[in-house]
Every structure is written in C-alpha cells, then in structure tokens.
Amino acid sequence: MNKLSAAQLCVLGFCVALNFVGGMIALALRLPIYLDSIGSILGAFLYGPVVGMTVGAASGLLNGIVFDPVSFYFIPSAITIGAVAGITWNKGWVNNRLFPVGVFVMTLPGTIVSSCITALVFGGITSSGSVSYTHLRAHETTLH
C-alpha cells in the first residue's frame, strides 16, 4: 500500500466515525442489525482490504473504550468483514450481476466469526439488540 495522503487519512477517520456512530445507534435503539461495519466496508472498497481491516479494528477499539466493552471481543469479526469486503471489491464480485453473490460472500465470514464469538464467549447473549428481552430475563434468572 502506498503512503496515504492527508485527504485519504480524513476519509479513513470518517470511516471510523461512521462505524462508531452506527454502533452507538444500533446499541441505543437495540436494533437487531449491526451498523458498525459500514465504514469498514467503505474503507475496504476505497483503499483495499488492509485499510478495511484497520478501520474495523480501530472502530472496535474506540467503541470498546467509549461505550461498549463487548466491542473488544468482536474486533476479529470487524477485521474479517474489512478483509473480505476489500477482496470481493477487488475481484469485482459486488458489481452488476454478481452483486448478490458478492454480498453473500462478503457477509458470510463476518457472520460466522461473530456467531462463534457470541456463542463461545458470551453463551449467546451480548449487549446488542439481537437478543430479546425475554431471553435476557430467562438467562438472568438462571445465573442467580
């Protein structure tokens, strides 16, 4: 990768901020979708897989420090998403008729990594909106 210009660094900062805000929105509204990868995908599309991975890792660190410590555990997922997004873009799998294939290829590895982390580390329950309140209450009563 070539040396990044000041404008490119600003775009990368914007990508990290986009992930940060997306993560805050999803957590605050308890949304069952993850908005904290939009910036990683954008960075990977613009500058390649290494940048996508870097944006994902930086976002995970920032989210974990500022508002959700659970984000630290999902840094491998963010790195995976950034890497695969850059690879699919470079191979042209998210252009025209290959778009559905590219999106599937881009989302599957990150989903697998995130699911494994959620199951192995957290027993299936995290701070995200993908866990229902009833499920949380049932798990909470079994802990006491």
N, C-alpha and C. Protein backbone atom coordinates (compact mmCIF):
# COMPACT_ATOMS: atom_id res chain seq x y z
N MET A 1 0.85 -1.18 0.00
CA MET A 1 0.00 0.00 0.00
C MET A 1 0.89 1.24 0.00
N ASN A 2 0.53 2.20 -0.80
CA ASN A 2 1.28 3.45 -0.88
C ASN A 2 1.01 4.31 0.34
N LYS A 3 1.84 5.31 0.50
CA LYS A 3 1.65 6.26 1.59
C LYS A 3 0.34 7.01 1.39
N LEU A 4 -0.45 7.15 2.47
CA LEU A 4 -1.75 7.81 2.38
C LEU A 4 -1.60 9.32 2.46
N SER A 5 -2.38 10.02 1.66
CA SER A 5 -2.38 11.47 1.68
C SER A 5 -3.25 11.97 2.85
N ALA A 6 -3.19 13.24 3.09
CA ALA A 6 -4.00 13.84 4.17
C ALA A 6 -5.49 13.65 3.88
N ALA A 7 -5.87 13.79 2.64
CA ALA A 7 -7.29 13.60 2.28
C ALA A 7 -7.73 12.16 2.52
N GLN A 8 -6.87 11.21 2.18
CA GLN A 8 -7.20 9.80 2.40
C GLN A 8 -7.30 9.49 3.90
N LEU A 9 -6.42 10.07 4.69
CA LEU A 9 -6.49 9.88 6.14
C LEU A 9 -7.79 10.45 6.71
N CYS A 10 -8.23 11.57 6.16
CA CYS A 10 -9.51 12.15 6.59
C CYS A 10 -10.66 11.22 6.25
N VAL A 11 -10.62 10.60 5.08
CA VAL A 11 -11.66 9.65 4.69
C VAL A 11 -11.64 8.45 5.64
N LEU A 12 -10.47 7.98 6.01
CA LEU A 12 -10.38 6.86 6.94
C LEU A 12 -10.91 7.24 8.32
N GLY A 13 -10.61 8.45 8.76
CA GLY A 13 -11.18 8.94 10.02
C GLY A 13 -12.69 8.99 9.95
N PHE A 14 -13.21 9.42 8.81
CA PHE A 14 -14.66 9.44 8.60
C PHE A 14 -15.22 8.02 8.67
N CYS A 15 -14.52 7.05 8.09
CA CYS A 15 -14.98 5.65 8.12
C CYS A 15 -15.04 5.12 9.56
N VAL A 16 -14.03 5.44 10.36
CA VAL A 16 -14.04 5.03 11.77
C VAL A 16 -15.20 5.70 12.49
N ALA A 17 -15.41 6.99 12.24
CA ALA A 17 -16.52 7.71 12.87
C ALA A 17 -17.86 7.13 12.43
N LEU A 18 -17.97 6.74 11.18
CA LEU A 18 -19.20 6.13 10.67
C LEU A 18 -19.49 4.82 11.40
N ASN A 19 -18.47 4.01 11.60
CA ASN A 19 -18.64 2.77 12.37
C ASN A 19 -19.04 3.09 13.81
N PHE A 20 -18.39 4.07 14.39
CA PHE A 20 -18.65 4.43 15.79
C PHE A 20 -20.10 4.88 15.97
N VAL A 21 -20.56 5.78 15.12
CA VAL A 21 -21.93 6.28 15.22
C VAL A 21 -22.93 5.16 14.93
N GLY A 22 -22.65 4.35 13.92
CA GLY A 22 -23.52 3.23 13.60
C GLY A 22 -23.65 2.26 14.78
N GLY A 23 -22.54 1.98 15.43
CA GLY A 23 -22.57 1.11 16.60
C GLY A 23 -23.36 1.71 17.75
N MET A 24 -23.20 3.02 17.95
CA MET A 24 -23.96 3.69 19.02
C MET A 24 -25.45 3.65 18.73
N ILE A 25 -25.84 3.91 17.50
CA ILE A 25 -27.25 3.90 17.12
C ILE A 25 -27.85 2.51 17.32
N ALA A 26 -27.16 1.49 16.82
CA ALA A 26 -27.67 0.12 16.94
C ALA A 26 -27.79 -0.30 18.40
N LEU A 27 -26.83 0.08 19.23
CA LEU A 27 -26.89 -0.29 20.64
C LEU A 27 -27.96 0.51 21.38
N ALA A 28 -28.04 1.80 21.12
CA ALA A 28 -29.02 2.64 21.81
C ALA A 28 -30.46 2.25 21.47
N LEU A 29 -30.69 1.90 20.21
CA LEU A 29 -32.04 1.54 19.78
C LEU A 29 -32.31 0.05 19.86
N ARG A 30 -31.31 -0.71 20.32
CA ARG A 30 -31.42 -2.17 20.44
C ARG A 30 -31.82 -2.80 19.11
N LEU A 31 -31.22 -2.34 18.04
CA LEU A 31 -31.54 -2.84 16.71
C LEU A 31 -30.93 -4.22 16.50
N PRO A 32 -31.65 -5.11 15.84
CA PRO A 32 -31.10 -6.45 15.58
C PRO A 32 -30.20 -6.49 14.34
N ILE A 33 -29.69 -5.33 13.94
CA ILE A 33 -28.75 -5.24 12.82
C ILE A 33 -27.49 -4.54 13.31
N TYR A 34 -26.43 -4.74 12.62
CA TYR A 34 -25.16 -4.18 13.05
C TYR A 34 -24.74 -3.10 12.07
N LEU A 35 -24.72 -1.90 12.53
CA LEU A 35 -24.39 -0.75 11.68
C LEU A 35 -22.94 -0.33 11.84
N ASP A 36 -22.17 -1.09 12.61
CA ASP A 36 -20.80 -0.68 12.90
C ASP A 36 -19.79 -1.26 11.91
N SER A 37 -20.24 -1.65 10.75
CA SER A 37 -19.33 -2.14 9.72
C SER A 37 -19.40 -1.34 8.43
N ILE A 38 -20.27 -0.36 8.39
CA ILE A 38 -20.45 0.42 7.16
C ILE A 38 -19.14 1.13 6.79
N GLY A 39 -18.49 1.72 7.75
CA GLY A 39 -17.22 2.41 7.49
C GLY A 39 -16.11 1.46 7.09
N SER A 40 -16.08 0.27 7.67
CA SER A 40 -15.07 -0.73 7.30
C SER A 40 -15.23 -1.14 5.85
N ILE A 41 -16.48 -1.34 5.44
CA ILE A 41 -16.76 -1.73 4.06
C ILE A 41 -16.40 -0.59 3.11
N LEU A 42 -16.77 0.63 3.47
CA LEU A 42 -16.42 1.78 2.64
C LEU A 42 -14.91 1.93 2.50
N GLY A 43 -14.20 1.84 3.61
CA GLY A 43 -12.73 1.93 3.56
C GLY A 43 -12.11 0.84 2.72
N ALA A 44 -12.66 -0.38 2.82
CA ALA A 44 -12.15 -1.50 2.03
C ALA A 44 -12.42 -1.30 0.55
N PHE A 45 -13.60 -0.77 0.22
CA PHE A 45 -13.93 -0.51 -1.19
C PHE A 45 -13.03 0.58 -1.77
N LEU A 46 -12.73 1.60 -0.97
CA LEU A 46 -11.94 2.72 -1.48
C LEU A 46 -10.45 2.42 -1.55
N TYR A 47 -9.91 1.73 -0.53
CA TYR A 47 -8.46 1.59 -0.42
C TYR A 47 -7.96 0.17 -0.26
N GLY A 48 -8.84 -0.82 -0.23
CA GLY A 48 -8.40 -2.22 -0.17
C GLY A 48 -8.61 -2.88 1.17
N PRO A 49 -8.35 -4.18 1.21
CA PRO A 49 -8.62 -4.99 2.40
C PRO A 49 -7.86 -4.56 3.65
N VAL A 50 -6.61 -4.17 3.50
CA VAL A 50 -5.82 -3.79 4.68
C VAL A 50 -6.43 -2.58 5.37
N VAL A 51 -6.87 -1.62 4.59
CA VAL A 51 -7.50 -0.43 5.16
C VAL A 51 -8.83 -0.79 5.80
N GLY A 52 -9.62 -1.66 5.15
CA GLY A 52 -10.87 -2.11 5.74
C GLY A 52 -10.65 -2.80 7.07
N MET A 53 -9.62 -3.61 7.15
CA MET A 53 -9.29 -4.30 8.40
C MET A 53 -8.85 -3.30 9.47
N THR A 54 -8.06 -2.32 9.07
CA THR A 54 -7.57 -1.32 10.00
C THR A 54 -8.72 -0.47 10.55
N VAL A 55 -9.63 -0.06 9.68
CA VAL A 55 -10.79 0.72 10.11
C VAL A 55 -11.64 -0.11 11.07
N GLY A 56 -11.85 -1.39 10.76
CA GLY A 56 -12.64 -2.25 11.64
C GLY A 56 -12.00 -2.40 13.01
N ALA A 57 -10.70 -2.63 13.04
CA ALA A 57 -10.00 -2.79 14.32
C ALA A 57 -10.02 -1.49 15.13
N ALA A 58 -9.76 -0.36 14.46
CA ALA A 58 -9.77 0.93 15.15
C ALA A 58 -11.16 1.24 15.70
N SER A 59 -12.18 0.93 14.93
CA SER A 59 -13.55 1.17 15.38
C SER A 59 -13.90 0.30 16.58
N GLY A 60 -13.48 -0.96 16.54
CA GLY A 60 -13.73 -1.86 17.67
C GLY A 60 -13.06 -1.37 18.93
N LEU A 61 -11.84 -0.88 18.81
CA LEU A 61 -11.14 -0.33 19.97
C LEU A 61 -11.85 0.91 20.50
N LEU A 62 -12.21 1.81 19.60
CA LEU A 62 -12.89 3.04 20.00
C LEU A 62 -14.24 2.74 20.66
N ASN A 63 -15.04 1.88 20.03
CA ASN A 63 -16.34 1.52 20.61
C ASN A 63 -16.17 0.88 21.98
N GLY A 64 -15.18 0.00 22.10
CA GLY A 64 -14.95 -0.68 23.37
C GLY A 64 -14.52 0.27 24.48
N ILE A 65 -13.71 1.24 24.15
CA ILE A 65 -13.23 2.19 25.15
C ILE A 65 -14.33 3.17 25.56
N VAL A 66 -15.11 3.64 24.59
CA VAL A 66 -16.05 4.73 24.85
C VAL A 66 -17.39 4.26 25.41
N PHE A 67 -18.01 3.22 24.81
CA PHE A 67 -19.37 2.94 25.28
C PHE A 67 -19.76 1.47 25.39
N ASP A 68 -19.06 0.54 24.79
CA ASP A 68 -19.49 -0.84 24.86
C ASP A 68 -18.29 -1.78 24.90
N PRO A 69 -17.88 -2.20 26.10
CA PRO A 69 -16.71 -3.07 26.22
C PRO A 69 -16.84 -4.40 25.47
N VAL A 70 -18.06 -4.80 25.17
CA VAL A 70 -18.28 -6.03 24.41
C VAL A 70 -17.65 -5.92 23.02
N SER A 71 -17.51 -4.71 22.51
CA SER A 71 -16.94 -4.49 21.18
C SER A 71 -15.52 -5.03 21.05
N PHE A 72 -14.77 -5.05 22.14
CA PHE A 72 -13.41 -5.57 22.09
C PHE A 72 -13.39 -7.01 21.57
N TYR A 73 -14.34 -7.80 22.01
CA TYR A 73 -14.37 -9.20 21.63
C TYR A 73 -14.68 -9.40 20.15
N PHE A 74 -15.34 -8.43 19.53
CA PHE A 74 -15.76 -8.56 18.15
C PHE A 74 -14.81 -7.90 17.15
N ILE A 75 -13.63 -7.51 17.61
CA ILE A 75 -12.62 -6.96 16.70
C ILE A 75 -12.23 -7.98 15.62
N PRO A 76 -12.09 -9.27 15.94
CA PRO A 76 -11.80 -10.23 14.85
C PRO A 76 -12.89 -10.25 13.77
N SER A 77 -14.12 -10.06 14.17
CA SER A 77 -15.21 -10.00 13.21
C SER A 77 -15.09 -8.77 12.32
N ALA A 78 -14.77 -7.63 12.92
CA ALA A 78 -14.61 -6.39 12.15
C ALA A 78 -13.44 -6.50 11.18
N ILE A 79 -12.38 -7.14 11.61
CA ILE A 79 -11.22 -7.35 10.74
C ILE A 79 -11.60 -8.27 9.57
N THR A 80 -12.35 -9.31 9.87
CA THR A 80 -12.79 -10.24 8.82
C THR A 80 -13.67 -9.53 7.79
N ILE A 81 -14.61 -8.73 8.27
CA ILE A 81 -15.51 -8.01 7.37
C ILE A 81 -14.72 -7.06 6.47
N GLY A 82 -13.79 -6.31 7.04
CA GLY A 82 -12.97 -5.39 6.25
C GLY A 82 -12.14 -6.12 5.20
N ALA A 83 -11.55 -7.24 5.59
CA ALA A 83 -10.73 -8.01 4.65
C ALA A 83 -11.56 -8.56 3.50
N VAL A 84 -12.67 -9.20 3.83
CA VAL A 84 -13.49 -9.84 2.80
C VAL A 84 -14.15 -8.78 1.91
N ALA A 85 -14.54 -7.64 2.47
CA ALA A 85 -15.13 -6.58 1.66
C ALA A 85 -14.12 -6.08 0.62
N GLY A 86 -12.89 -5.88 1.04
CA GLY A 86 -11.86 -5.44 0.10
C GLY A 86 -11.57 -6.47 -0.98
N ILE A 87 -11.54 -7.74 -0.59
CA ILE A 87 -11.27 -8.80 -1.56
C ILE A 87 -12.40 -8.92 -2.57
N THR A 88 -13.64 -8.89 -2.09
CA THR A 88 -14.78 -9.01 -3.02
C THR A 88 -14.84 -7.81 -3.97
N TRP A 89 -14.50 -6.63 -3.46
CA TRP A 89 -14.48 -5.45 -4.33
C TRP A 89 -13.39 -5.57 -5.39
N ASN A 90 -12.19 -5.98 -4.96
CA ASN A 90 -11.07 -6.12 -5.91
C ASN A 90 -11.35 -7.17 -6.98
N LYS A 91 -12.07 -8.21 -6.63
CA LYS A 91 -12.39 -9.26 -7.60
C LYS A 91 -13.60 -8.91 -8.46
N GLY A 92 -14.28 -7.80 -8.16
CA GLY A 92 -15.42 -7.37 -8.95
C GLY A 92 -16.71 -8.11 -8.64
N TRP A 93 -16.78 -8.74 -7.47
CA TRP A 93 -17.95 -9.53 -7.11
C TRP A 93 -19.12 -8.69 -6.62
N VAL A 94 -18.94 -7.41 -6.42
CA VAL A 94 -20.05 -6.56 -5.97
C VAL A 94 -20.45 -5.58 -7.07
N ASN A 95 -20.16 -5.95 -8.29
CA ASN A 95 -20.53 -5.12 -9.45
C ASN A 95 -21.62 -5.82 -10.25
N ASN A 96 -22.57 -5.08 -10.69
CA ASN A 96 -23.62 -5.51 -11.62
C ASN A 96 -24.26 -6.85 -11.26
N ARG A 97 -24.17 -7.82 -12.16
CA ARG A 97 -24.91 -9.07 -11.97
C ARG A 97 -24.35 -9.95 -10.86
N LEU A 98 -23.12 -9.75 -10.47
CA LEU A 98 -22.52 -10.55 -9.39
C LEU A 98 -22.80 -9.96 -8.00
N PHE A 99 -23.54 -8.86 -7.94
CA PHE A 99 -23.78 -8.18 -6.67
C PHE A 99 -24.35 -9.11 -5.59
N PRO A 100 -25.41 -9.89 -5.86
CA PRO A 100 -25.93 -10.78 -4.80
C PRO A 100 -24.89 -11.79 -4.31
N VAL A 101 -24.10 -12.32 -5.22
CA VAL A 101 -23.06 -13.27 -4.84
C VAL A 101 -22.01 -12.57 -3.98
N GLY A 102 -21.60 -11.39 -4.41
CA GLY A 102 -20.60 -10.63 -3.66
C GLY A 102 -21.06 -10.27 -2.26
N VAL A 103 -22.31 -9.87 -2.14
CA VAL A 103 -22.84 -9.52 -0.82
C VAL A 103 -22.88 -10.76 0.07
N PHE A 104 -23.30 -11.88 -0.47
CA PHE A 104 -23.33 -13.12 0.30
C PHE A 104 -21.92 -13.51 0.75
N VAL A 105 -20.99 -13.47 -0.19
CA VAL A 105 -19.59 -13.82 0.14
C VAL A 105 -19.02 -12.84 1.16
N MET A 106 -19.43 -11.58 1.05
CA MET A 106 -18.91 -10.55 1.95
C MET A 106 -19.47 -10.70 3.37
N THR A 107 -20.72 -11.11 3.50
CA THR A 107 -21.34 -11.16 4.82
C THR A 107 -21.14 -12.48 5.56
N LEU A 108 -20.99 -13.56 4.85
CA LEU A 108 -20.93 -14.88 5.49
C LEU A 108 -19.75 -15.04 6.47
N PRO A 109 -18.52 -14.73 6.09
CA PRO A 109 -17.40 -14.93 7.04
C PRO A 109 -17.54 -14.09 8.32
N GLY A 110 -17.96 -12.84 8.18
CA GLY A 110 -18.15 -12.00 9.37
C GLY A 110 -19.25 -12.53 10.28
N THR A 111 -20.31 -13.04 9.67
CA THR A 111 -21.40 -13.62 10.43
C THR A 111 -20.94 -14.86 11.19
N ILE A 112 -20.17 -15.69 10.54
CA ILE A 112 -19.67 -16.91 11.19
C ILE A 112 -18.75 -16.55 12.36
N VAL A 113 -17.84 -15.63 12.14
CA VAL A 113 -16.92 -15.23 13.22
C VAL A 113 -17.70 -14.62 14.38
N SER A 114 -18.64 -13.72 14.09
CA SER A 114 -19.43 -13.08 15.15
C SER A 114 -20.26 -14.10 15.91
N SER A 115 -20.87 -15.04 15.19
CA SER A 115 -21.70 -16.06 15.84
C SER A 115 -20.86 -16.94 16.76
N CYS A 116 -19.68 -17.31 16.31
CA CYS A 116 -18.80 -18.12 17.15
C CYS A 116 -18.38 -17.36 18.41
N ILE A 117 -18.05 -16.10 18.26
CA ILE A 117 -17.66 -15.29 19.41
C ILE A 117 -18.83 -15.17 20.39
N THR A 118 -20.02 -14.88 19.86
CA THR A 118 -21.20 -14.74 20.72
C THR A 118 -21.49 -16.04 21.46
N ALA A 119 -21.41 -17.15 20.76
CA ALA A 119 -21.72 -18.44 21.39
C ALA A 119 -20.65 -18.87 22.39
N LEU A 120 -19.38 -18.76 22.01
CA LEU A 120 -18.31 -19.27 22.85
C LEU A 120 -17.97 -18.36 24.02
N VAL A 121 -17.94 -17.07 23.78
CA VAL A 121 -17.52 -16.14 24.83
C VAL A 121 -18.69 -15.73 25.72
N PHE A 122 -19.85 -15.49 25.10
CA PHE A 122 -20.97 -14.91 25.84
C PHE A 122 -22.14 -15.86 26.04
N GLY A 123 -22.03 -17.08 25.60
CA GLY A 123 -23.13 -18.01 25.75
C GLY A 123 -24.36 -17.60 24.95
N GLY A 124 -24.18 -16.81 23.92
CA GLY A 124 -25.28 -16.40 23.05
C GLY A 124 -25.93 -15.08 23.42
N ILE A 125 -25.45 -14.41 24.45
CA ILE A 125 -26.08 -13.16 24.89
C ILE A 125 -25.05 -12.04 24.93
N THR A 126 -25.32 -10.96 24.21
CA THR A 126 -24.44 -9.79 24.23
C THR A 126 -25.26 -8.54 24.45
N SER A 127 -24.64 -7.39 24.33
CA SER A 127 -25.32 -6.11 24.56
C SER A 127 -26.10 -5.64 23.34
N SER A 128 -26.06 -6.40 22.25
CA SER A 128 -26.73 -5.96 21.03
C SER A 128 -28.23 -6.17 21.10
N GLY A 129 -28.91 -5.65 20.11
CA GLY A 129 -30.36 -5.78 20.04
C GLY A 129 -30.82 -7.10 19.48
N SER A 130 -29.90 -8.00 19.14
CA SER A 130 -30.30 -9.27 18.55
C SER A 130 -30.80 -10.26 19.60
N VAL A 131 -30.67 -9.91 20.85
CA VAL A 131 -31.14 -10.79 21.92
C VAL A 131 -32.42 -10.19 22.50
N SER A 132 -33.44 -11.00 22.57
CA SER A 132 -34.72 -10.49 23.06
C SER A 132 -34.68 -10.28 24.57
N TYR A 133 -35.54 -9.41 25.05
CA TYR A 133 -35.63 -9.12 26.47
C TYR A 133 -36.02 -10.37 27.24
N THR A 134 -36.93 -11.17 26.69
CA THR A 134 -37.36 -12.39 27.35
C THR A 134 -36.20 -13.35 27.51
N HIS A 135 -35.37 -13.45 26.47
CA HIS A 135 -34.21 -14.32 26.53
C HIS A 135 -33.23 -13.84 27.60
N LEU A 136 -33.04 -12.53 27.68
CA LEU A 136 -32.16 -11.97 28.71
C LEU A 136 -32.67 -12.27 30.11
N ARG A 137 -33.96 -12.09 30.32
CA ARG A 137 -34.55 -12.34 31.64
C ARG A 137 -34.43 -13.81 32.01
N ALA A 138 -34.63 -14.71 31.05
CA ALA A 138 -34.52 -16.14 31.32
C ALA A 138 -33.09 -16.49 31.69
N HIS A 139 -32.11 -15.92 30.98
CA HIS A 139 -30.71 -16.18 31.28
C HIS A 139 -30.33 -15.57 32.62
N GLU A 140 -30.87 -14.40 32.92
CA GLU A 140 -30.57 -13.71 34.17
C GLU A 140 -31.03 -14.54 35.37
N THR A 141 -32.20 -15.15 35.27
CA THR A 141 -32.71 -15.93 36.40
C THR A 141 -31.94 -17.21 36.59
N THR A 142 -31.36 -17.77 35.51
CA THR A 142 -30.56 -18.98 35.67
C THR A 142 -29.20 -18.68 36.30
N LEU A 143 -28.76 -17.45 36.21
CA LEU A 143 -27.48 -17.08 36.81
C LEU A 143 -27.57 -16.92 38.32
N HIS A 144 -28.74 -16.59 38.81
CA HIS A 144 -28.87 -16.34 40.26
C HIS A 144 -29.25 -17.56 41.02
